[in-house]
Structures are given as structure tokens and as C-alpha cells.
Amino acid sequence: MSDQVWLGVHYMHLLAMAFFIGGQLVVVAAVMPVERRFADRTRLRAIARRFGIGSLVALVVLAATGSAFHEGSWSDGTRR
């Protein structure tokens, strides 16, 4: 495959990682403290469910793009 394709795969991997880790930090640090003040937990559950779906998609993208480089091309800098 061309270098542009591998660059796109690498970009998708980093983007999925940023969403997965950064999103968890936002939920824990910003959303949870605000939403805990309300007695109604259904909104918090809905937010967690929607984020969970996005996290699952990001995890699938991470696994797929990470396995694309499983043959060692991350460490040795070669592209196939």
C-alpha cells in the first residue's frame, strides 16, 4: 500500500486513541461532577450509554488499525 494509506491508518489510530482516552477524562472530570448534583440519574445514564457506544467504535478502530501494523512496522519505521 502507498504511504498515503498508511498515513491515513496511523491518523485514524491516533484519532481513535484521543477520543477513547480524552473522552473518558472529560466524562470523569467534567460531566460526572455536574450530573451528580441532580437527583435524576437517567440523564447521566443516557450520557454514559452514548459515550459507551462511541468508545466501543473507537476501540474497534484502535484494534483494527493497530493490527494493521502488527508485523513490526511501528518499531522499524517501514511501510508495507
N, C-alpha and C. Protein backbone atom coordinates (compact mmCIF):
# COMPACT_ATOMS: atom_id res chain seq x y z
N MET A 1 0.84 -1.19 0.00
CA MET A 1 0.00 0.00 0.00
C MET A 1 0.88 1.24 0.00
N SER A 2 0.30 2.33 -0.42
CA SER A 2 1.08 3.55 -0.53
C SER A 2 1.28 4.21 0.83
N ASP A 3 2.21 5.12 0.86
CA ASP A 3 2.49 5.85 2.10
C ASP A 3 1.30 6.67 2.56
N GLN A 4 0.50 7.17 1.63
CA GLN A 4 -0.67 7.96 2.00
C GLN A 4 -1.71 7.11 2.73
N VAL A 5 -1.86 5.87 2.33
CA VAL A 5 -2.81 4.98 3.00
C VAL A 5 -2.34 4.69 4.42
N TRP A 6 -1.05 4.38 4.57
CA TRP A 6 -0.52 4.10 5.92
C TRP A 6 -0.59 5.34 6.80
N LEU A 7 -0.38 6.50 6.21
CA LEU A 7 -0.51 7.74 6.98
C LEU A 7 -1.94 7.92 7.45
N GLY A 8 -2.91 7.61 6.60
CA GLY A 8 -4.32 7.67 6.99
C GLY A 8 -4.67 6.69 8.08
N VAL A 9 -4.12 5.47 8.00
CA VAL A 9 -4.36 4.46 9.03
C VAL A 9 -3.77 4.93 10.36
N HIS A 10 -2.57 5.48 10.31
CA HIS A 10 -1.92 5.99 11.52
C HIS A 10 -2.73 7.15 12.12
N TYR A 11 -3.22 8.04 11.27
CA TYR A 11 -4.04 9.16 11.72
C TYR A 11 -5.32 8.67 12.39
N MET A 12 -5.97 7.67 11.78
CA MET A 12 -7.20 7.11 12.37
C MET A 12 -6.91 6.48 13.73
N HIS A 13 -5.77 5.82 13.85
CA HIS A 13 -5.39 5.19 15.11
C HIS A 13 -5.22 6.25 16.20
N LEU A 14 -4.50 7.31 15.88
CA LEU A 14 -4.28 8.37 16.86
C LEU A 14 -5.57 9.11 17.21
N LEU A 15 -6.44 9.31 16.25
CA LEU A 15 -7.71 9.97 16.49
C LEU A 15 -8.61 9.12 17.39
N ALA A 16 -8.65 7.82 17.13
CA ALA A 16 -9.45 6.93 17.97
C ALA A 16 -8.89 6.88 19.40
N MET A 17 -7.58 6.88 19.53
CA MET A 17 -6.96 6.88 20.86
C MET A 17 -7.29 8.17 21.60
N ALA A 18 -7.24 9.29 20.91
CA ALA A 18 -7.56 10.57 21.55
C ALA A 18 -9.01 10.62 22.00
N PHE A 19 -9.92 10.11 21.18
CA PHE A 19 -11.33 10.08 21.58
C PHE A 19 -11.54 9.15 22.77
N PHE A 20 -10.92 7.98 22.73
CA PHE A 20 -11.12 6.99 23.78
C PHE A 20 -10.60 7.50 25.12
N ILE A 21 -9.37 7.95 25.16
CA ILE A 21 -8.76 8.41 26.42
C ILE A 21 -9.29 9.78 26.80
N GLY A 22 -9.29 10.72 25.89
CA GLY A 22 -9.75 12.08 26.18
C GLY A 22 -11.21 12.13 26.57
N GLY A 23 -12.02 11.33 25.90
CA GLY A 23 -13.44 11.29 26.23
C GLY A 23 -13.70 10.76 27.62
N GLN A 24 -12.94 9.76 28.02
CA GLN A 24 -13.09 9.24 29.38
C GLN A 24 -12.72 10.29 30.41
N LEU A 25 -11.66 11.03 30.14
CA LEU A 25 -11.26 12.09 31.07
C LEU A 25 -12.32 13.18 31.17
N VAL A 26 -12.92 13.55 30.06
CA VAL A 26 -13.96 14.57 30.08
C VAL A 26 -15.18 14.08 30.86
N VAL A 27 -15.58 12.84 30.64
CA VAL A 27 -16.73 12.30 31.36
C VAL A 27 -16.47 12.28 32.86
N VAL A 28 -15.30 11.81 33.25
CA VAL A 28 -14.99 11.69 34.68
C VAL A 28 -14.76 13.06 35.33
N ALA A 29 -14.06 13.95 34.66
CA ALA A 29 -13.67 15.22 35.28
C ALA A 29 -14.72 16.32 35.14
N ALA A 30 -15.54 16.30 34.10
CA ALA A 30 -16.47 17.40 33.88
C ALA A 30 -17.94 16.99 33.96
N VAL A 31 -18.30 15.91 33.32
CA VAL A 31 -19.71 15.54 33.24
C VAL A 31 -20.20 14.94 34.55
N MET A 32 -19.45 14.00 35.10
CA MET A 32 -19.89 13.32 36.32
C MET A 32 -20.13 14.27 37.49
N PRO A 33 -19.20 15.18 37.81
CA PRO A 33 -19.46 16.08 38.94
C PRO A 33 -20.70 16.96 38.77
N VAL A 34 -20.94 17.40 37.54
CA VAL A 34 -22.10 18.26 37.29
C VAL A 34 -23.39 17.45 37.37
N GLU A 35 -23.40 16.29 36.76
CA GLU A 35 -24.61 15.49 36.70
C GLU A 35 -24.95 14.82 38.04
N ARG A 36 -24.00 14.63 38.90
CA ARG A 36 -24.27 14.02 40.20
C ARG A 36 -25.11 14.91 41.11
N ARG A 37 -25.10 16.19 40.83
CA ARG A 37 -25.86 17.12 41.67
C ARG A 37 -27.36 16.93 41.51
N PHE A 38 -27.78 16.42 40.37
CA PHE A 38 -29.20 16.23 40.11
C PHE A 38 -29.66 14.89 40.65
N ALA A 39 -30.88 14.86 41.14
CA ALA A 39 -31.42 13.62 41.71
C ALA A 39 -31.76 12.61 40.62
N ASP A 40 -32.07 13.09 39.42
CA ASP A 40 -32.46 12.22 38.31
C ASP A 40 -31.21 11.66 37.63
N ARG A 41 -31.01 10.36 37.76
CA ARG A 41 -29.83 9.72 37.19
C ARG A 41 -30.03 9.25 35.75
N THR A 42 -31.23 9.41 35.22
CA THR A 42 -31.48 8.91 33.87
C THR A 42 -30.66 9.68 32.83
N ARG A 43 -30.48 10.97 33.05
CA ARG A 43 -29.68 11.76 32.11
C ARG A 43 -28.21 11.31 32.13
N LEU A 44 -27.70 11.04 33.32
CA LEU A 44 -26.32 10.55 33.44
C LEU A 44 -26.17 9.19 32.76
N ARG A 45 -27.16 8.33 32.93
CA ARG A 45 -27.11 7.02 32.26
C ARG A 45 -27.15 7.17 30.75
N ALA A 46 -27.96 8.10 30.26
CA ALA A 46 -28.05 8.33 28.81
C ALA A 46 -26.72 8.85 28.26
N ILE A 47 -26.08 9.76 28.98
CA ILE A 47 -24.78 10.28 28.56
C ILE A 47 -23.75 9.15 28.55
N ALA A 48 -23.74 8.35 29.60
CA ALA A 48 -22.79 7.24 29.68
C ALA A 48 -23.04 6.22 28.58
N ARG A 49 -24.30 5.96 28.26
CA ARG A 49 -24.62 5.00 27.20
C ARG A 49 -24.15 5.51 25.84
N ARG A 50 -24.40 6.79 25.55
CA ARG A 50 -23.96 7.35 24.27
C ARG A 50 -22.45 7.36 24.16
N PHE A 51 -21.79 7.74 25.25
CA PHE A 51 -20.33 7.73 25.22
C PHE A 51 -19.80 6.30 25.10
N GLY A 52 -20.48 5.36 25.73
CA GLY A 52 -20.07 3.97 25.64
C GLY A 52 -20.10 3.46 24.21
N ILE A 53 -21.10 3.86 23.44
CA ILE A 53 -21.17 3.46 22.03
C ILE A 53 -20.00 4.06 21.26
N GLY A 54 -19.72 5.34 21.49
CA GLY A 54 -18.58 5.97 20.83
C GLY A 54 -17.26 5.34 21.23
N SER A 55 -17.14 4.96 22.49
CA SER A 55 -15.92 4.30 22.97
C SER A 55 -15.75 2.93 22.33
N LEU A 56 -16.85 2.22 22.15
CA LEU A 56 -16.78 0.91 21.51
C LEU A 56 -16.30 1.05 20.06
N VAL A 57 -16.83 2.04 19.35
CA VAL A 57 -16.39 2.28 17.97
C VAL A 57 -14.91 2.64 17.95
N ALA A 58 -14.48 3.51 18.87
CA ALA A 58 -13.07 3.88 18.94
C ALA A 58 -12.19 2.68 19.25
N LEU A 59 -12.64 1.80 20.12
CA LEU A 59 -11.88 0.62 20.47
C LEU A 59 -11.74 -0.33 19.28
N VAL A 60 -12.81 -0.46 18.49
CA VAL A 60 -12.74 -1.30 17.28
C VAL A 60 -11.76 -0.70 16.29
N VAL A 61 -11.80 0.63 16.12
CA VAL A 61 -10.87 1.29 15.20
C VAL A 61 -9.44 1.12 15.70
N LEU A 62 -9.23 1.25 17.01
CA LEU A 62 -7.89 1.05 17.57
C LEU A 62 -7.38 -0.36 17.31
N ALA A 63 -8.23 -1.34 17.51
CA ALA A 63 -7.82 -2.73 17.28
C ALA A 63 -7.52 -2.98 15.81
N ALA A 64 -8.36 -2.47 14.94
CA ALA A 64 -8.17 -2.70 13.51
C ALA A 64 -6.92 -2.00 12.98
N THR A 65 -6.75 -0.74 13.34
CA THR A 65 -5.58 -0.02 12.84
C THR A 65 -4.30 -0.49 13.53
N GLY A 66 -4.39 -0.89 14.78
CA GLY A 66 -3.22 -1.42 15.46
C GLY A 66 -2.78 -2.74 14.88
N SER A 67 -3.74 -3.60 14.50
CA SER A 67 -3.38 -4.89 13.92
C SER A 67 -2.80 -4.72 12.51
N ALA A 68 -3.12 -3.62 11.85
CA ALA A 68 -2.54 -3.36 10.53
C ALA A 68 -1.03 -3.19 10.61
N PHE A 69 -0.55 -2.75 11.74
CA PHE A 69 0.88 -2.54 11.93
C PHE A 69 1.52 -3.62 12.79
N HIS A 70 0.81 -4.73 12.97
CA HIS A 70 1.27 -5.78 13.87
C HIS A 70 2.58 -6.42 13.43
N GLU A 71 2.91 -6.37 12.19
CA GLU A 71 4.10 -7.04 11.67
C GLU A 71 5.40 -6.33 12.02
N GLY A 72 5.35 -5.33 12.89
CA GLY A 72 6.59 -4.67 13.31
C GLY A 72 6.86 -3.36 12.64
N SER A 73 5.96 -2.89 11.80
CA SER A 73 6.25 -1.64 11.10
C SER A 73 6.14 -0.42 12.00
N TRP A 74 5.57 -0.54 13.20
CA TRP A 74 5.59 0.59 14.14
C TRP A 74 7.01 0.83 14.61
N SER A 75 7.71 -0.24 14.95
CA SER A 75 9.02 -0.07 15.57
C SER A 75 10.15 0.15 14.57
N ASP A 76 10.08 -0.47 13.40
CA ASP A 76 11.21 -0.33 12.49
C ASP A 76 11.03 0.76 11.44
N GLY A 77 9.88 1.39 11.39
CA GLY A 77 9.67 2.53 10.51
C GLY A 77 9.36 2.17 9.06
N THR A 78 9.22 0.89 8.74
CA THR A 78 8.92 0.52 7.36
C THR A 78 7.43 0.51 7.11
N ARG A 79 7.06 0.68 5.87
CA ARG A 79 5.66 0.63 5.45
C ARG A 79 5.52 -0.49 4.44
N ARG A 80 4.44 -1.23 4.51
CA ARG A 80 4.23 -2.33 3.55
C ARG A 80 3.06 -2.03 2.65
